[in-house]
Amino acid sequence: SIVFCLANAAITVVLGVLVALLMNAVGKVTRLILQVAMLLAWAMPVIAAMTIWIWVFDWRRGIVNWALTQLGLDFTNHNWLEQPLSFYFVATVIVVWMSVPFVAFSVYAGLTQISDEVMEAAALDGATPRQRFFAIIMPMIRPVLMIVTLLQVIWDLRVFAQIKMLQDAGAPIAETDLLGTYIYRLGVGSSDFAMASALSIFVLLLTVALSFFYVMHLMKEDQ
């Protein structure tokens, strides 16, 4: 669960920053198209989105298997949910797809606060795009990055609906459980409410532990 959480949070933040930079660099029409597309992905209900994604990766009629087979790869009737590694790959694609818009919009809002005069002055002084990004842009949007990273860690640690629906689509449950689905299986499936409650408290403590350094850093900046 921790590896899945940290990997998804890292991928989401990196892609979100890249999309935000892209929105900041393109023209008004292209930016509007990107924003509408991401807003639709972000606003789509989880159940509706998961129904589509399960069909996309379906081992019999899925478009992913069909596309890979057309490229000459042997993915006919390949079950993406059968093995834990490919299962978590599919889950990562879905979770990141649903989370990137929030990070992109948040970082883009931070980018709009960077003065054009500052960037032009840095360019005139000979700073390369890489130097401008790491020496000017990153320090100025760091507070936004800290907050969205903290939120992503918390959300990805508590991910449940996507994993549960993928399991219901035919994945081996015992081999693909995360903490959320395991707690659900203990409480609802086995009526072991004592153990489910104990694990829920453990998840709370784990969330606090993972976010402790972020929270302390934010508190120091506010002082």
C-alpha atoms as a PDB file:
ATOM      1  CA  SER A   1       0.000   0.000   0.000  1.00  0.00           C
ATOM      2  CA  ILE A   2       2.823   2.412   0.843  1.00  0.00           C
ATOM      3  CA  VAL A   3       4.683   1.680  -2.393  1.00  0.00           C
ATOM      4  CA  PHE A   4       1.486   2.050  -4.422  1.00  0.00           C
ATOM      5  CA  CYS A   5       0.681   5.310  -2.619  1.00  0.00           C
ATOM      6  CA  LEU A   6       4.109   6.923  -3.040  1.00  0.00           C
ATOM      7  CA  ALA A   7       4.517   5.768  -6.653  1.00  0.00           C
ATOM      8  CA  ASN A   8       1.109   7.102  -7.660  1.00  0.00           C
ATOM      9  CA  ALA A   9       1.626  10.393  -5.832  1.00  0.00           C
ATOM     10  CA  ALA A  10       5.028  10.917  -7.472  1.00  0.00           C
ATOM     11  CA  ILE A  11       3.782  10.095 -10.978  1.00  0.00           C
ATOM     12  CA  THR A  12       0.711  12.287 -10.501  1.00  0.00           C
ATOM     13  CA  VAL A  13       2.697  15.309  -9.320  1.00  0.00           C
ATOM     14  CA  VAL A  14       5.282  15.013 -12.092  1.00  0.00           C
ATOM     15  CA  LEU A  15       2.653  14.671 -14.828  1.00  0.00           C
ATOM     16  CA  GLY A  16       0.554  17.426 -13.256  1.00  0.00           C
ATOM     17  CA  VAL A  17       3.510  19.828 -13.296  1.00  0.00           C
ATOM     18  CA  LEU A  18       4.290  18.956 -16.927  1.00  0.00           C
ATOM     19  CA  VAL A  19       0.677  19.536 -17.975  1.00  0.00           C
ATOM     20  CA  ALA A  20       0.612  22.835 -16.070  1.00  0.00           C
ATOM     21  CA  LEU A  21       3.789  23.960 -17.849  1.00  0.00           C
ATOM     22  CA  LEU A  22       2.225  22.947 -21.152  1.00  0.00           C
ATOM     23  CA  MET A  23      -0.912  24.976 -20.407  1.00  0.00           C
ATOM     24  CA  ASN A  24       1.254  27.944 -19.514  1.00  0.00           C
ATOM     25  CA  ALA A  25       3.189  27.705 -22.775  1.00  0.00           C
ATOM     26  CA  VAL A  26       0.474  27.073 -25.386  1.00  0.00           C
ATOM     27  CA  GLY A  27      -2.012  29.476 -26.882  1.00  0.00           C
ATOM     28  CA  LYS A  28      -5.423  30.374 -25.529  1.00  0.00           C
ATOM     29  CA  VAL A  29      -7.421  27.926 -27.686  1.00  0.00           C
ATOM     30  CA  THR A  30      -5.163  24.945 -26.981  1.00  0.00           C
ATOM     31  CA  ARG A  31      -5.127  25.824 -23.280  1.00  0.00           C
ATOM     32  CA  LEU A  32      -8.914  25.933 -23.206  1.00  0.00           C
ATOM     33  CA  ILE A  33      -9.148  22.513 -24.876  1.00  0.00           C
ATOM     34  CA  LEU A  34      -6.709  21.039 -22.334  1.00  0.00           C
ATOM     35  CA  GLN A  35      -8.570  22.570 -19.415  1.00  0.00           C
ATOM     36  CA  VAL A  36     -11.963  21.331 -20.591  1.00  0.00           C
ATOM     37  CA  ALA A  37     -10.588  17.810 -21.214  1.00  0.00           C
ATOM     38  CA  MET A  38      -9.007  17.633 -17.762  1.00  0.00           C
ATOM     39  CA  LEU A  39     -12.066  19.107 -16.084  1.00  0.00           C
ATOM     40  CA  LEU A  40     -14.245  16.420 -17.667  1.00  0.00           C
ATOM     41  CA  ALA A  41     -11.846  13.687 -16.527  1.00  0.00           C
ATOM     42  CA  TRP A  42     -11.721  15.132 -13.010  1.00  0.00           C
ATOM     43  CA  ALA A  43     -15.479  15.658 -12.712  1.00  0.00           C
ATOM     44  CA  MET A  44     -16.485  12.250 -14.065  1.00  0.00           C
ATOM     45  CA  PRO A  45     -18.071  10.062 -11.341  1.00  0.00           C
ATOM     46  CA  VAL A  46     -15.828   7.217 -10.215  1.00  0.00           C
ATOM     47  CA  ILE A  47     -18.402   4.531 -11.058  1.00  0.00           C
ATOM     48  CA  ALA A  48     -18.873   5.822 -14.611  1.00  0.00           C
ATOM     49  CA  ALA A  49     -15.129   6.221 -15.150  1.00  0.00           C
ATOM     50  CA  MET A  50     -14.372   2.741 -13.811  1.00  0.00           C
ATOM     51  CA  THR A  51     -17.024   1.186 -16.052  1.00  0.00           C
ATOM     52  CA  ILE A  52     -15.239   2.653 -19.071  1.00  0.00           C
ATOM     53  CA  TRP A  53     -11.747   1.723 -17.868  1.00  0.00           C
ATOM     54  CA  ILE A  54     -12.775  -1.869 -17.133  1.00  0.00           C
ATOM     55  CA  TRP A  55     -14.085  -2.131 -20.694  1.00  0.00           C
ATOM     56  CA  VAL A  56     -10.876  -0.555 -22.054  1.00  0.00           C
ATOM     57  CA  PHE A  57      -8.751  -3.264 -20.374  1.00  0.00           C
ATOM     58  CA  ASP A  58     -11.254  -6.092 -20.841  1.00  0.00           C
ATOM     59  CA  TRP A  59      -9.413  -9.281 -21.818  1.00  0.00           C
ATOM     60  CA  ARG A  60     -11.982 -10.260 -24.451  1.00  0.00           C
ATOM     61  CA  ARG A  61     -13.232  -7.022 -26.019  1.00  0.00           C
ATOM     62  CA  GLY A  62     -10.876  -4.392 -24.607  1.00  0.00           C
ATOM     63  CA  ILE A  63      -9.496  -1.691 -26.865  1.00  0.00           C
ATOM     64  CA  VAL A  64      -6.022  -1.931 -25.278  1.00  0.00           C
ATOM     65  CA  ASN A  65      -5.565  -5.581 -26.252  1.00  0.00           C
ATOM     66  CA  TRP A  66      -6.931  -4.845 -29.726  1.00  0.00           C
ATOM     67  CA  ALA A  67      -4.561  -1.887 -30.251  1.00  0.00           C
ATOM     68  CA  LEU A  68      -1.496  -3.786 -29.025  1.00  0.00           C
ATOM     69  CA  THR A  69      -2.419  -6.775 -31.204  1.00  0.00           C
ATOM     70  CA  GLN A  70      -2.718  -4.465 -34.219  1.00  0.00           C
ATOM     71  CA  LEU A  71       0.821  -3.286 -33.515  1.00  0.00           C
ATOM     72  CA  GLY A  72       2.043  -6.866 -33.863  1.00  0.00           C
ATOM     73  CA  LEU A  73       2.220  -7.785 -30.185  1.00  0.00           C
ATOM     74  CA  ASP A  74       0.601 -10.950 -28.874  1.00  0.00           C
ATOM     75  CA  PHE A  75      -2.036  -9.566 -26.492  1.00  0.00           C
ATOM     76  CA  THR A  76      -5.002 -11.582 -27.709  1.00  0.00           C
ATOM     77  CA  ASN A  77      -7.204 -12.431 -24.702  1.00  0.00           C
ATOM     78  CA  HIS A  78      -4.555 -11.067 -22.334  1.00  0.00           C
ATOM     79  CA  ASN A  79      -6.043 -10.615 -18.857  1.00  0.00           C
ATOM     80  CA  TRP A  80      -4.562  -7.462 -17.332  1.00  0.00           C
ATOM     81  CA  LEU A  81      -6.176  -8.126 -13.963  1.00  0.00           C
ATOM     82  CA  GLU A  82      -4.981 -11.700 -13.513  1.00  0.00           C
ATOM     83  CA  GLN A  83      -1.468 -10.934 -12.227  1.00  0.00           C
ATOM     84  CA  PRO A  84      -0.811  -8.496  -9.354  1.00  0.00           C
ATOM     85  CA  LEU A  85       1.874  -6.548 -11.264  1.00  0.00           C
ATOM     86  CA  SER A  86      -0.306  -5.836 -14.300  1.00  0.00           C
ATOM     87  CA  PHE A  87      -3.278  -5.255 -11.986  1.00  0.00           C
ATOM     88  CA  TYR A  88      -1.425  -2.492 -10.149  1.00  0.00           C
ATOM     89  CA  PHE A  89      -0.264  -1.066 -13.484  1.00  0.00           C
ATOM     90  CA  VAL A  90      -3.895  -0.717 -14.579  1.00  0.00           C
ATOM     91  CA  ALA A  91      -4.843   0.710 -11.181  1.00  0.00           C
ATOM     92  CA  THR A  92      -2.007   3.233 -11.409  1.00  0.00           C
ATOM     93  CA  VAL A  93      -3.114   4.368 -14.868  1.00  0.00           C
ATOM     94  CA  ILE A  94      -6.658   4.921 -13.606  1.00  0.00           C
ATOM     95  CA  VAL A  95      -5.738   6.631 -10.331  1.00  0.00           C
ATOM     96  CA  VAL A  96      -3.198   8.934 -11.995  1.00  0.00           C
ATOM     97  CA  TRP A  97      -5.640   9.788 -14.796  1.00  0.00           C
ATOM     98  CA  MET A  98      -8.212  10.854 -12.214  1.00  0.00           C
ATOM     99  CA  SER A  99      -5.711  12.823 -10.102  1.00  0.00           C
ATOM    100  CA  VAL A 100      -3.556  14.697 -12.624  1.00  0.00           C
ATOM    101  CA  PRO A 101      -6.175  17.404 -13.388  1.00  0.00           C
ATOM    102  CA  PHE A 102      -6.245  18.593  -9.764  1.00  0.00           C
ATOM    103  CA  VAL A 103      -2.449  18.906  -9.629  1.00  0.00           C
ATOM    104  CA  ALA A 104      -2.296  20.531 -13.075  1.00  0.00           C
ATOM    105  CA  PHE A 105      -4.915  23.156 -12.243  1.00  0.00           C
ATOM    106  CA  SER A 106      -3.312  23.917  -8.866  1.00  0.00           C
ATOM    107  CA  VAL A 107       0.199  24.270 -10.292  1.00  0.00           C
ATOM    108  CA  TYR A 108      -1.067  26.285 -13.266  1.00  0.00           C
ATOM    109  CA  ALA A 109      -2.710  28.708 -10.831  1.00  0.00           C
ATOM    110  CA  GLY A 110       0.686  29.087  -9.155  1.00  0.00           C
ATOM    111  CA  LEU A 111       2.431  29.626 -12.481  1.00  0.00           C
ATOM    112  CA  THR A 112       0.096  32.475 -13.368  1.00  0.00           C
ATOM    113  CA  GLN A 113       1.388  34.341 -10.295  1.00  0.00           C
ATOM    114  CA  ILE A 114       4.978  34.384 -11.605  1.00  0.00           C
ATOM    115  CA  SER A 115       5.757  37.770 -13.108  1.00  0.00           C
ATOM    116  CA  ASP A 116       6.596  37.820 -16.812  1.00  0.00           C
ATOM    117  CA  GLU A 117       9.136  40.562 -16.080  1.00  0.00           C
ATOM    118  CA  VAL A 118      11.080  38.209 -13.804  1.00  0.00           C
ATOM    119  CA  MET A 119      11.243  35.520 -16.464  1.00  0.00           C
ATOM    120  CA  GLU A 120      12.227  38.011 -19.157  1.00  0.00           C
ATOM    121  CA  ALA A 121      14.958  39.449 -16.949  1.00  0.00           C
ATOM    122  CA  ALA A 122      16.337  35.962 -16.287  1.00  0.00           C
ATOM    123  CA  ALA A 123      16.322  35.220 -20.033  1.00  0.00           C
ATOM    124  CA  LEU A 124      18.148  38.479 -20.755  1.00  0.00           C
ATOM    125  CA  ASP A 125      20.747  37.572 -18.134  1.00  0.00           C
ATOM    126  CA  GLY A 126      21.456  34.370 -20.055  1.00  0.00           C
ATOM    127  CA  ALA A 127      19.561  31.835 -17.938  1.00  0.00           C
ATOM    128  CA  THR A 128      18.631  28.693 -19.871  1.00  0.00           C
ATOM    129  CA  PRO A 129      15.076  27.287 -19.736  1.00  0.00           C
ATOM    130  CA  ARG A 130      16.336  24.587 -17.365  1.00  0.00           C
ATOM    131  CA  GLN A 131      17.936  27.170 -15.075  1.00  0.00           C
ATOM    132  CA  ARG A 132      14.809  29.318 -15.125  1.00  0.00           C
ATOM    133  CA  PHE A 133      12.694  26.308 -14.205  1.00  0.00           C
ATOM    134  CA  PHE A 134      14.796  25.130 -11.244  1.00  0.00           C
ATOM    135  CA  ALA A 135      15.986  28.536  -9.981  1.00  0.00           C
ATOM    136  CA  ILE A 136      12.825  30.633 -10.445  1.00  0.00           C
ATOM    137  CA  ILE A 137       9.718  28.605 -11.209  1.00  0.00           C
ATOM    138  CA  MET A 138      10.204  25.736  -8.747  1.00  0.00           C
ATOM    139  CA  PRO A 139      10.959  27.930  -5.692  1.00  0.00           C
ATOM    140  CA  MET A 140       7.956  30.137  -6.439  1.00  0.00           C
ATOM    141  CA  ILE A 141       5.481  27.278  -6.836  1.00  0.00           C
ATOM    142  CA  ARG A 142       6.971  25.179  -4.014  1.00  0.00           C
ATOM    143  CA  PRO A 143       4.163  25.974  -1.530  1.00  0.00           C
ATOM    144  CA  VAL A 144       1.596  24.744  -4.060  1.00  0.00           C
ATOM    145  CA  LEU A 145       3.648  21.633  -4.791  1.00  0.00           C
ATOM    146  CA  MET A 146       3.965  20.863  -1.084  1.00  0.00           C
ATOM    147  CA  ILE A 147       0.217  21.055  -0.553  1.00  0.00           C
ATOM    148  CA  VAL A 148      -0.800  19.026  -3.620  1.00  0.00           C
ATOM    149  CA  THR A 149       1.845  16.388  -2.849  1.00  0.00           C
ATOM    150  CA  LEU A 150       0.567  16.075   0.707  1.00  0.00           C
ATOM    151  CA  LEU A 151      -3.022  15.734  -0.511  1.00  0.00           C
ATOM    152  CA  GLN A 152      -2.024  13.168  -3.127  1.00  0.00           C
ATOM    153  CA  VAL A 153      -0.222  11.018  -0.557  1.00  0.00           C
ATOM    154  CA  ILE A 154      -3.295  11.074   1.668  1.00  0.00           C
ATOM    155  CA  TRP A 155      -5.717  10.331  -1.172  1.00  0.00           C
ATOM    156  CA  ASP A 156      -3.608   7.586  -2.751  1.00  0.00           C
ATOM    157  CA  LEU A 157      -3.142   5.851   0.590  1.00  0.00           C
ATOM    158  CA  ARG A 158      -6.935   5.757   1.044  1.00  0.00           C
ATOM    159  CA  VAL A 159      -7.791   4.698  -2.514  1.00  0.00           C
ATOM    160  CA  PHE A 160     -10.643   2.197  -2.442  1.00  0.00           C
ATOM    161  CA  ALA A 161     -13.308   2.413  -5.145  1.00  0.00           C
ATOM    162  CA  GLN A 162     -10.951   1.875  -8.083  1.00  0.00           C
ATOM    163  CA  ILE A 163      -9.281  -1.160  -6.504  1.00  0.00           C
ATOM    164  CA  LYS A 164     -12.579  -2.678  -5.376  1.00  0.00           C
ATOM    165  CA  MET A 165     -14.192  -2.363  -8.806  1.00  0.00           C
ATOM    166  CA  LEU A 166     -11.135  -3.833 -10.527  1.00  0.00           C
ATOM    167  CA  GLN A 167     -11.244  -6.756  -8.106  1.00  0.00           C
ATOM    168  CA  ASP A 168     -14.935  -7.251  -8.837  1.00  0.00           C
ATOM    169  CA  ALA A 169     -14.055  -7.350 -12.536  1.00  0.00           C
ATOM    170  CA  GLY A 170     -12.168 -10.611 -12.025  1.00  0.00           C
ATOM    171  CA  ALA A 171      -8.883  -9.935 -10.236  1.00  0.00           C
ATOM    172  CA  PRO A 172      -7.564 -12.255  -7.489  1.00  0.00           C
ATOM    173  CA  ILE A 173      -8.679 -10.452  -4.339  1.00  0.00           C
ATOM    174  CA  ALA A 174      -6.145 -11.778  -1.840  1.00  0.00           C
ATOM    175  CA  GLU A 175      -3.202 -10.861  -4.085  1.00  0.00           C
ATOM    176  CA  THR A 176      -4.412  -7.371  -5.023  1.00  0.00           C
ATOM    177  CA  ASP A 177      -5.682  -5.992  -1.718  1.00  0.00           C
ATOM    178  CA  LEU A 178      -4.619  -2.575  -0.525  1.00  0.00           C
ATOM    179  CA  LEU A 179      -5.319  -1.392   3.002  1.00  0.00           C
ATOM    180  CA  GLY A 180      -8.687   0.092   2.058  1.00  0.00           C
ATOM    181  CA  THR A 181     -10.053  -3.022   0.392  1.00  0.00           C
ATOM    182  CA  TYR A 182      -8.542  -5.265   3.067  1.00  0.00           C
ATOM    183  CA  ILE A 183     -10.308  -3.295   5.818  1.00  0.00           C
ATOM    184  CA  TYR A 184     -13.552  -3.480   3.837  1.00  0.00           C
ATOM    185  CA  ARG A 185     -13.151  -7.244   3.383  1.00  0.00           C
ATOM    186  CA  LEU A 186     -12.515  -7.730   7.105  1.00  0.00           C
ATOM    187  CA  GLY A 187     -15.393  -5.549   8.257  1.00  0.00           C
ATOM    188  CA  VAL A 188     -18.129  -6.145   5.689  1.00  0.00           C
ATOM    189  CA  GLY A 189     -17.073  -9.500   4.317  1.00  0.00           C
ATOM    190  CA  SER A 190     -15.957 -11.288   7.487  1.00  0.00           C
ATOM    191  CA  SER A 191     -17.737  -9.162  10.140  1.00  0.00           C
ATOM    192  CA  ASP A 192     -14.423  -8.824  11.957  1.00  0.00           C
ATOM    193  CA  PHE A 193     -15.143  -5.271  13.005  1.00  0.00           C
ATOM    194  CA  ALA A 194     -12.534  -5.232  15.765  1.00  0.00           C
ATOM    195  CA  MET A 195      -9.663  -5.937  13.377  1.00  0.00           C
ATOM    196  CA  ALA A 196     -11.127  -3.618  10.743  1.00  0.00           C
ATOM    197  CA  SER A 197     -11.317  -0.797  13.301  1.00  0.00           C
ATOM    198  CA  ALA A 198      -7.757  -1.438  14.438  1.00  0.00           C
ATOM    199  CA  LEU A 199      -6.485  -1.322  10.864  1.00  0.00           C
ATOM    200  CA  SER A 200      -8.441   1.885  10.249  1.00  0.00           C
ATOM    201  CA  ILE A 201      -6.595   3.514  13.146  1.00  0.00           C
ATOM    202  CA  PHE A 202      -3.356   2.144  11.703  1.00  0.00           C
ATOM    203  CA  VAL A 203      -4.125   3.800   8.359  1.00  0.00           C
ATOM    204  CA  LEU A 204      -4.768   7.070  10.171  1.00  0.00           C
ATOM    205  CA  LEU A 205      -1.420   6.840  11.970  1.00  0.00           C
ATOM    206  CA  LEU A 206       0.312   5.863   8.724  1.00  0.00           C
ATOM    207  CA  THR A 207      -1.207   8.876   6.975  1.00  0.00           C
ATOM    208  CA  VAL A 208       0.025  11.155   9.758  1.00  0.00           C
ATOM    209  CA  ALA A 209       3.495   9.586   9.585  1.00  0.00           C
ATOM    210  CA  LEU A 210       3.768   9.977   5.800  1.00  0.00           C
ATOM    211  CA  SER A 211       2.581  13.572   5.907  1.00  0.00           C
ATOM    212  CA  PHE A 212       4.438  14.610   9.079  1.00  0.00           C
ATOM    213  CA  PHE A 213       7.407  16.231   7.367  1.00  0.00           C
ATOM    214  CA  TYR A 214       5.182  18.085   4.898  1.00  0.00           C
ATOM    215  CA  VAL A 215       3.014  19.428   7.708  1.00  0.00           C
ATOM    216  CA  MET A 216       6.034  20.506   9.770  1.00  0.00           C
ATOM    217  CA  HIS A 217       7.523  22.282   6.759  1.00  0.00           C
ATOM    218  CA  LEU A 218       4.263  24.095   6.065  1.00  0.00           C
ATOM    219  CA  MET A 219       3.993  25.153   9.704  1.00  0.00           C
ATOM    220  CA  LYS A 220       7.546  26.558   9.639  1.00  0.00           C
ATOM    221  CA  GLU A 221       6.773  28.576   6.517  1.00  0.00           C
ATOM    222  CA  ASP A 222       3.653  30.043   8.164  1.00  0.00           C
ATOM    223  CA  GLN A 223       5.604  31.270  11.188  1.00  0.00           C
END
